[in-house]
């Protein structure tokens, strides 16, 4: 079943009386699971998603005028997914922007490095938009200190590296803002030049409430990476 891209976020506000619409490309699909069979319950969207230029637009792609009413399929209705709120996609533009920067990063990476075949056999990813998975965040109770970002990471979300829609100011714990750590970048510990923010998507997913996002094992990770590159002869051309 071809569901939406996992990065897409739905509005989920209280629906009103406005009927959701679908464009020619998505006509006949369930707005939750993309099923093409057993349409059952009419889709209702909130007033904000049906206001002004958003009126009568497709609830999935948002950029095309709807030609037919949107429906939940019978399975989603039985699972009560039609009661979860307005299903309009709200971050389509930022998702496209992130995808553009990911492709740009992939092209730069492929031009700069040669990845040995043994690395691919071991399952190492060539490109990763988010932080490397072995980096560990502090996650202690944040204080009043504001997180900072260096010139290299300026404008990026501290969780997902998104470059669009900064929303919530980053707060770090007192230990991560003490002494020589003060005013340092929360990602790479360089000199901070701007305030750090969580993007709107991470704020909606409440990732700004998980604790202090300062990276605490950056030095050991760099050492591990050095020996990994030395072991597999991972060199620049």
C-alpha atoms as a PDB file:
ATOM      1  CA  UNK A   1       0.000   0.000   0.000  1.00  0.00           C
ATOM      2  CA  UNK A   2       1.568   3.287  -1.131  1.00  0.00           C
ATOM      3  CA  UNK A   3       1.124   5.567   1.883  1.00  0.00           C
ATOM      4  CA  UNK A   4       2.291   9.185   2.055  1.00  0.00           C
ATOM      5  CA  UNK A   5       5.935   9.988   2.580  1.00  0.00           C
ATOM      6  CA  UNK A   6       6.710   9.571   6.325  1.00  0.00           C
ATOM      7  CA  UNK A   7       8.036  13.151   6.590  1.00  0.00           C
ATOM      8  CA  UNK A   8       4.663  14.644   5.677  1.00  0.00           C
ATOM      9  CA  UNK A   9       2.624  15.964   8.597  1.00  0.00           C
ATOM     10  CA  UNK A  10      -1.156  16.379   8.684  1.00  0.00           C
ATOM     11  CA  UNK A  11      -2.935  19.374  10.198  1.00  0.00           C
ATOM     12  CA  UNK A  12      -5.017  17.348  12.713  1.00  0.00           C
ATOM     13  CA  UNK A  13      -7.057  20.345  13.930  1.00  0.00           C
ATOM     14  CA  UNK A  14     -10.773  20.123  14.648  1.00  0.00           C
ATOM     15  CA  UNK A  15     -12.555  19.680  11.273  1.00  0.00           C
ATOM     16  CA  UNK A  16     -15.296  22.055  10.237  1.00  0.00           C
ATOM     17  CA  UNK A  17     -18.046  21.717   7.649  1.00  0.00           C
ATOM     18  CA  UNK A  18     -15.799  22.231   4.596  1.00  0.00           C
ATOM     19  CA  UNK A  19     -15.391  19.171   2.369  1.00  0.00           C
ATOM     20  CA  UNK A  20     -11.902  18.021   1.400  1.00  0.00           C
ATOM     21  CA  UNK A  21     -11.058  17.885  -2.301  1.00  0.00           C
ATOM     22  CA  UNK A  22      -8.668  15.809  -4.420  1.00  0.00           C
ATOM     23  CA  UNK A  23      -6.899  16.714  -7.664  1.00  0.00           C
ATOM     24  CA  UNK A  24      -6.847  14.636 -10.833  1.00  0.00           C
ATOM     25  CA  UNK A  25      -3.598  12.927  -9.792  1.00  0.00           C
ATOM     26  CA  UNK A  26      -4.966  11.726  -6.429  1.00  0.00           C
ATOM     27  CA  UNK A  27      -8.600  11.266  -7.444  1.00  0.00           C
ATOM     28  CA  UNK A  28     -10.166   8.201  -5.813  1.00  0.00           C
ATOM     29  CA  UNK A  29      -7.448   7.659  -3.202  1.00  0.00           C
ATOM     30  CA  UNK A  30      -8.029   7.443   0.535  1.00  0.00           C
ATOM     31  CA  UNK A  31      -6.374  10.509   2.133  1.00  0.00           C
ATOM     32  CA  UNK A  32      -4.769   8.392   4.885  1.00  0.00           C
ATOM     33  CA  UNK A  33      -3.606   5.129   3.281  1.00  0.00           C
ATOM     34  CA  UNK A  34      -3.842   5.859  -0.478  1.00  0.00           C
ATOM     35  CA  UNK A  35      -6.196   2.922  -0.976  1.00  0.00           C
ATOM     36  CA  UNK A  36      -8.193   3.016  -4.225  1.00  0.00           C
ATOM     37  CA  UNK A  37     -11.035   0.775  -3.066  1.00  0.00           C
ATOM     38  CA  UNK A  38     -14.093   1.035  -0.780  1.00  0.00           C
ATOM     39  CA  UNK A  39     -14.487   4.832  -0.364  1.00  0.00           C
ATOM     40  CA  UNK A  40     -16.750   5.292   2.636  1.00  0.00           C
ATOM     41  CA  UNK A  41     -16.637   8.498   4.715  1.00  0.00           C
ATOM     42  CA  UNK A  42     -16.494  12.044   3.334  1.00  0.00           C
ATOM     43  CA  UNK A  43     -13.418  14.033   4.387  1.00  0.00           C
ATOM     44  CA  UNK A  44     -13.915  17.243   6.363  1.00  0.00           C
ATOM     45  CA  UNK A  45     -11.133  19.826   6.752  1.00  0.00           C
ATOM     46  CA  UNK A  46     -10.696  22.624   9.297  1.00  0.00           C
ATOM     47  CA  UNK A  47     -11.557  26.256   8.554  1.00  0.00           C
ATOM     48  CA  UNK A  48      -7.881  27.314   8.310  1.00  0.00           C
ATOM     49  CA  UNK A  49      -7.167  24.701   5.615  1.00  0.00           C
ATOM     50  CA  UNK A  50     -10.144  25.946   3.588  1.00  0.00           C
ATOM     51  CA  UNK A  51      -9.458  29.681   3.882  1.00  0.00           C
ATOM     52  CA  UNK A  52      -8.414  32.011   1.070  1.00  0.00           C
ATOM     53  CA  UNK A  53      -6.062  30.479  -1.498  1.00  0.00           C
ATOM     54  CA  UNK A  54      -6.333  27.043   0.186  1.00  0.00           C
ATOM     55  CA  UNK A  55     -10.022  26.812  -0.677  1.00  0.00           C
ATOM     56  CA  UNK A  56     -10.932  23.840  -2.915  1.00  0.00           C
ATOM     57  CA  UNK A  57      -7.281  22.761  -3.173  1.00  0.00           C
ATOM     58  CA  UNK A  58      -6.159  19.110  -3.039  1.00  0.00           C
ATOM     59  CA  UNK A  59      -5.661  17.965   0.578  1.00  0.00           C
ATOM     60  CA  UNK A  60      -2.629  15.839  -0.389  1.00  0.00           C
ATOM     61  CA  UNK A  61      -0.537  17.946  -2.794  1.00  0.00           C
ATOM     62  CA  UNK A  62      -2.032  21.351  -1.956  1.00  0.00           C
ATOM     63  CA  UNK A  63      -1.014  22.986  -5.222  1.00  0.00           C
ATOM     64  CA  UNK A  64      -3.716  21.766  -7.602  1.00  0.00           C
ATOM     65  CA  UNK A  65      -7.413  22.632  -7.727  1.00  0.00           C
ATOM     66  CA  UNK A  66      -9.563  19.733  -6.518  1.00  0.00           C
ATOM     67  CA  UNK A  67     -11.889  18.084  -9.005  1.00  0.00           C
ATOM     68  CA  UNK A  68     -13.655  15.597  -6.712  1.00  0.00           C
ATOM     69  CA  UNK A  69     -14.563  15.086  -3.064  1.00  0.00           C
ATOM     70  CA  UNK A  70     -12.098  13.248  -0.819  1.00  0.00           C
ATOM     71  CA  UNK A  71     -13.068  10.101   1.093  1.00  0.00           C
ATOM     72  CA  UNK A  72     -11.691   7.833   3.786  1.00  0.00           C
ATOM     73  CA  UNK A  73     -11.726   4.161   2.775  1.00  0.00           C
ATOM     74  CA  UNK A  74     -13.797   1.605   4.666  1.00  0.00           C
ATOM     75  CA  UNK A  75     -10.764   0.161   6.495  1.00  0.00           C
ATOM     76  CA  UNK A  76      -9.646   3.593   7.796  1.00  0.00           C
ATOM     77  CA  UNK A  77     -13.231   4.327   8.867  1.00  0.00           C
ATOM     78  CA  UNK A  78     -13.383   1.042  10.803  1.00  0.00           C
ATOM     79  CA  UNK A  79     -10.082   1.962  12.481  1.00  0.00           C
ATOM     80  CA  UNK A  80     -11.618   5.400  13.300  1.00  0.00           C
ATOM     81  CA  UNK A  81      -8.861   7.283  11.480  1.00  0.00           C
ATOM     82  CA  UNK A  82     -11.531   9.644  10.189  1.00  0.00           C
ATOM     83  CA  UNK A  83     -11.805  10.997  13.761  1.00  0.00           C
ATOM     84  CA  UNK A  84      -8.137  11.998  14.158  1.00  0.00           C
ATOM     85  CA  UNK A  85      -8.704  15.531  12.827  1.00  0.00           C
ATOM     86  CA  UNK A  86      -8.121  17.472   9.616  1.00  0.00           C
ATOM     87  CA  UNK A  87      -6.000  15.355   7.188  1.00  0.00           C
ATOM     88  CA  UNK A  88      -4.610  18.275   5.139  1.00  0.00           C
ATOM     89  CA  UNK A  89      -0.825  18.052   4.542  1.00  0.00           C
ATOM     90  CA  UNK A  90       0.767  21.159   6.127  1.00  0.00           C
ATOM     91  CA  UNK A  91       4.519  20.776   5.452  1.00  0.00           C
ATOM     92  CA  UNK A  92       4.618  19.901   1.765  1.00  0.00           C
ATOM     93  CA  UNK A  93       6.724  22.920   0.789  1.00  0.00           C
ATOM     94  CA  UNK A  94       9.339  22.357   3.490  1.00  0.00           C
ATOM     95  CA  UNK A  95       9.505  18.641   2.650  1.00  0.00           C
ATOM     96  CA  UNK A  96      10.281  19.519  -0.991  1.00  0.00           C
ATOM     97  CA  UNK A  97      12.946  22.009   0.148  1.00  0.00           C
ATOM     98  CA  UNK A  98      14.566  19.418   2.441  1.00  0.00           C
ATOM     99  CA  UNK A  99      14.555  16.913  -0.421  1.00  0.00           C
ATOM    100  CA  UNK A 100      16.315  19.460  -2.663  1.00  0.00           C
ATOM    101  CA  UNK A 101      19.078  20.031  -0.101  1.00  0.00           C
ATOM    102  CA  UNK A 102      19.431  16.266   0.499  1.00  0.00           C
ATOM    103  CA  UNK A 103      19.934  15.724  -3.250  1.00  0.00           C
ATOM    104  CA  UNK A 104      22.458  18.587  -3.361  1.00  0.00           C
ATOM    105  CA  UNK A 105      24.343  17.069  -0.442  1.00  0.00           C
ATOM    106  CA  UNK A 106      24.312  13.657  -2.145  1.00  0.00           C
ATOM    107  CA  UNK A 107      25.775  15.111  -5.333  1.00  0.00           C
ATOM    108  CA  UNK A 108      28.551  16.922  -3.451  1.00  0.00           C
ATOM    109  CA  UNK A 109      29.337  13.800  -1.453  1.00  0.00           C
ATOM    110  CA  UNK A 110      29.523  11.561  -4.523  1.00  0.00           C
ATOM    111  CA  UNK A 111      31.902  14.010  -6.234  1.00  0.00           C
ATOM    112  CA  UNK A 112      34.214  14.298  -3.209  1.00  0.00           C
ATOM    113  CA  UNK A 113      34.523  10.716  -1.968  1.00  0.00           C
ATOM    114  CA  UNK A 114      34.954   7.220  -3.391  1.00  0.00           C
ATOM    115  CA  UNK A 115      33.087   4.619  -1.281  1.00  0.00           C
ATOM    116  CA  UNK A 116      34.810   1.206  -1.232  1.00  0.00           C
ATOM    117  CA  UNK A 117      32.744  -1.849  -2.053  1.00  0.00           C
ATOM    118  CA  UNK A 118      33.393  -3.377   1.387  1.00  0.00           C
ATOM    119  CA  UNK A 119      31.711  -0.386   3.013  1.00  0.00           C
ATOM    120  CA  UNK A 120      28.569  -0.947   0.944  1.00  0.00           C
ATOM    121  CA  UNK A 121      28.561  -4.643   1.850  1.00  0.00           C
ATOM    122  CA  UNK A 122      28.658  -3.706   5.529  1.00  0.00           C
ATOM    123  CA  UNK A 123      25.644  -1.448   5.040  1.00  0.00           C
ATOM    124  CA  UNK A 124      27.077   2.012   5.666  1.00  0.00           C
ATOM    125  CA  UNK A 125      24.910   4.789   4.242  1.00  0.00           C
ATOM    126  CA  UNK A 126      26.542   7.066   1.713  1.00  0.00           C
ATOM    127  CA  UNK A 127      24.422  10.106   2.575  1.00  0.00           C
ATOM    128  CA  UNK A 128      22.648  11.022   5.755  1.00  0.00           C
ATOM    129  CA  UNK A 129      20.690  14.259   6.114  1.00  0.00           C
ATOM    130  CA  UNK A 130      20.236  13.971   9.876  1.00  0.00           C
ATOM    131  CA  UNK A 131      22.971  13.676  12.492  1.00  0.00           C
ATOM    132  CA  UNK A 132      24.994  10.420  12.501  1.00  0.00           C
ATOM    133  CA  UNK A 133      23.180   7.832  14.651  1.00  0.00           C
ATOM    134  CA  UNK A 134      26.128   7.318  17.025  1.00  0.00           C
ATOM    135  CA  UNK A 135      26.000  10.920  18.253  1.00  0.00           C
ATOM    136  CA  UNK A 136      24.437  11.171  21.720  1.00  0.00           C
ATOM    137  CA  UNK A 137      22.517  14.181  22.999  1.00  0.00           C
ATOM    138  CA  UNK A 138      22.660  15.379  26.600  1.00  0.00           C
ATOM    139  CA  UNK A 139      18.884  15.158  27.226  1.00  0.00           C
ATOM    140  CA  UNK A 140      19.082  16.697  30.731  1.00  0.00           C
ATOM    141  CA  UNK A 141      16.484  19.182  31.945  1.00  0.00           C
ATOM    142  CA  UNK A 142      17.005  22.439  29.994  1.00  0.00           C
ATOM    143  CA  UNK A 143      17.575  25.708  31.824  1.00  0.00           C
ATOM    144  CA  UNK A 144      17.234  29.297  30.642  1.00  0.00           C
ATOM    145  CA  UNK A 145      20.413  29.308  28.518  1.00  0.00           C
ATOM    146  CA  UNK A 146      19.846  29.617  24.769  1.00  0.00           C
ATOM    147  CA  UNK A 147      21.565  27.184  22.417  1.00  0.00           C
ATOM    148  CA  UNK A 148      23.861  28.605  19.733  1.00  0.00           C
ATOM    149  CA  UNK A 149      24.907  27.498  16.238  1.00  0.00           C
ATOM    150  CA  UNK A 150      28.156  28.095  14.377  1.00  0.00           C
ATOM    151  CA  UNK A 151      28.505  29.477  10.841  1.00  0.00           C
ATOM    152  CA  UNK A 152      28.582  25.959   9.354  1.00  0.00           C
ATOM    153  CA  UNK A 153      25.277  24.893  10.970  1.00  0.00           C
ATOM    154  CA  UNK A 154      23.555  28.290  10.996  1.00  0.00           C
ATOM    155  CA  UNK A 155      19.836  28.001  10.185  1.00  0.00           C
ATOM    156  CA  UNK A 156      19.587  24.229  10.679  1.00  0.00           C
ATOM    157  CA  UNK A 157      17.175  22.500  13.042  1.00  0.00           C
ATOM    158  CA  UNK A 158      19.232  20.869  15.839  1.00  0.00           C
ATOM    159  CA  UNK A 159      17.224  17.616  15.537  1.00  0.00           C
ATOM    160  CA  UNK A 160      16.592  16.952  11.830  1.00  0.00           C
ATOM    161  CA  UNK A 161      18.906  19.454  10.059  1.00  0.00           C
ATOM    162  CA  UNK A 162      15.933  21.052   8.279  1.00  0.00           C
ATOM    163  CA  UNK A 163      16.727  24.459   6.801  1.00  0.00           C
ATOM    164  CA  UNK A 164      13.168  25.794   6.714  1.00  0.00           C
ATOM    165  CA  UNK A 165      10.488  27.061   9.128  1.00  0.00           C
ATOM    166  CA  UNK A 166      12.423  27.649  12.393  1.00  0.00           C
ATOM    167  CA  UNK A 167       9.863  27.782  15.188  1.00  0.00           C
ATOM    168  CA  UNK A 168      10.969  27.176  18.804  1.00  0.00           C
ATOM    169  CA  UNK A 169      14.082  28.552  20.485  1.00  0.00           C
ATOM    170  CA  UNK A 170      16.512  25.891  21.765  1.00  0.00           C
ATOM    171  CA  UNK A 171      17.199  25.813  25.499  1.00  0.00           C
ATOM    172  CA  UNK A 172      20.146  23.866  26.920  1.00  0.00           C
ATOM    173  CA  UNK A 173      20.992  22.686  30.450  1.00  0.00           C
ATOM    174  CA  UNK A 174      23.294  24.600  32.828  1.00  0.00           C
ATOM    175  CA  UNK A 175      26.117  22.047  32.508  1.00  0.00           C
ATOM    176  CA  UNK A 176      26.239  22.451  28.711  1.00  0.00           C
ATOM    177  CA  UNK A 177      26.499  26.240  29.123  1.00  0.00           C
ATOM    178  CA  UNK A 178      29.167  26.306  31.854  1.00  0.00           C
ATOM    179  CA  UNK A 179      32.730  27.555  31.494  1.00  0.00           C
ATOM    180  CA  UNK A 180      34.360  26.871  28.132  1.00  0.00           C
ATOM    181  CA  UNK A 181      31.103  25.399  26.745  1.00  0.00           C
ATOM    182  CA  UNK A 182      29.355  28.775  26.934  1.00  0.00           C
ATOM    183  CA  UNK A 183      28.188  30.182  23.589  1.00  0.00           C
ATOM    184  CA  UNK A 184      29.511  27.128  21.716  1.00  0.00           C
ATOM    185  CA  UNK A 185      27.643  25.417  18.858  1.00  0.00           C
ATOM    186  CA  UNK A 186      25.320  22.702  20.179  1.00  0.00           C
ATOM    187  CA  UNK A 187      26.193  20.427  17.227  1.00  0.00           C
ATOM    188  CA  UNK A 188      29.952  20.735  16.648  1.00  0.00           C
ATOM    189  CA  UNK A 189      31.149  22.879  19.616  1.00  0.00           C
ATOM    190  CA  UNK A 190      32.416  25.617  17.304  1.00  0.00           C
ATOM    191  CA  UNK A 191      31.969  29.309  18.093  1.00  0.00           C
ATOM    192  CA  UNK A 192      28.256  30.156  18.045  1.00  0.00           C
ATOM    193  CA  UNK A 193      27.133  33.084  15.909  1.00  0.00           C
ATOM    194  CA  UNK A 194      23.324  32.709  16.017  1.00  0.00           C
ATOM    195  CA  UNK A 195      20.532  31.279  18.148  1.00  0.00           C
ATOM    196  CA  UNK A 196      19.484  27.668  17.569  1.00  0.00           C
ATOM    197  CA  UNK A 197      15.896  26.740  16.734  1.00  0.00           C
ATOM    198  CA  UNK A 198      13.735  23.655  16.386  1.00  0.00           C
ATOM    199  CA  UNK A 199      11.842  23.538  13.081  1.00  0.00           C
ATOM    200  CA  UNK A 200       8.044  23.614  13.021  1.00  0.00           C
ATOM    201  CA  UNK A 201       7.752  19.872  12.254  1.00  0.00           C
ATOM    202  CA  UNK A 202       9.929  18.876  15.253  1.00  0.00           C
ATOM    203  CA  UNK A 203       7.910  21.265  17.430  1.00  0.00           C
ATOM    204  CA  UNK A 204       4.642  19.645  16.297  1.00  0.00           C
ATOM    205  CA  UNK A 205       6.143  16.230  17.100  1.00  0.00           C
ATOM    206  CA  UNK A 206       7.140  17.645  20.552  1.00  0.00           C
ATOM    207  CA  UNK A 207      10.828  16.831  20.045  1.00  0.00           C
ATOM    208  CA  UNK A 208      11.620  20.171  21.695  1.00  0.00           C
ATOM    209  CA  UNK A 209      10.468  18.616  25.004  1.00  0.00           C
ATOM    210  CA  UNK A 210      12.926  15.706  25.022  1.00  0.00           C
ATOM    211  CA  UNK A 211      15.611  17.618  26.920  1.00  0.00           C
ATOM    212  CA  UNK A 212      18.884  19.388  26.174  1.00  0.00           C
ATOM    213  CA  UNK A 213      19.946  18.666  22.536  1.00  0.00           C
ATOM    214  CA  UNK A 214      23.692  19.337  23.005  1.00  0.00           C
ATOM    215  CA  UNK A 215      25.961  16.655  21.475  1.00  0.00           C
ATOM    216  CA  UNK A 216      28.062  15.185  24.312  1.00  0.00           C
ATOM    217  CA  UNK A 217      30.236  12.534  22.602  1.00  0.00           C
ATOM    218  CA  UNK A 218      31.581  14.450  19.628  1.00  0.00           C
ATOM    219  CA  UNK A 219      35.284  13.883  20.414  1.00  0.00           C
ATOM    220  CA  UNK A 220      35.006  10.111  20.811  1.00  0.00           C
ATOM    221  CA  UNK A 221      32.896   9.898  17.651  1.00  0.00           C
ATOM    222  CA  UNK A 222      35.581  11.708  15.641  1.00  0.00           C
ATOM    223  CA  UNK A 223      38.194   9.277  16.992  1.00  0.00           C
ATOM    224  CA  UNK A 224      36.053   6.257  16.092  1.00  0.00           C
ATOM    225  CA  UNK A 225      35.480   7.697  12.626  1.00  0.00           C
ATOM    226  CA  UNK A 226      39.231   8.166  12.127  1.00  0.00           C
ATOM    227  CA  UNK A 227      39.993   4.530  12.901  1.00  0.00           C
ATOM    228  CA  UNK A 228      37.024   3.341  10.797  1.00  0.00           C
ATOM    229  CA  UNK A 229      38.324   5.290   7.789  1.00  0.00           C
ATOM    230  CA  UNK A 230      41.842   3.989   8.414  1.00  0.00           C
ATOM    231  CA  UNK A 231      40.583   0.377   8.622  1.00  0.00           C
ATOM    232  CA  UNK A 232      38.638   0.526   5.355  1.00  0.00           C
ATOM    233  CA  UNK A 233      41.076   2.853   3.551  1.00  0.00           C
ATOM    234  CA  UNK A 234      38.406   5.571   3.182  1.00  0.00           C
ATOM    235  CA  UNK A 235      40.395   8.360   1.508  1.00  0.00           C
ATOM    236  CA  UNK A 236      39.681  11.475  -0.490  1.00  0.00           C
ATOM    237  CA  UNK A 237      40.514  11.489  -4.164  1.00  0.00           C
END
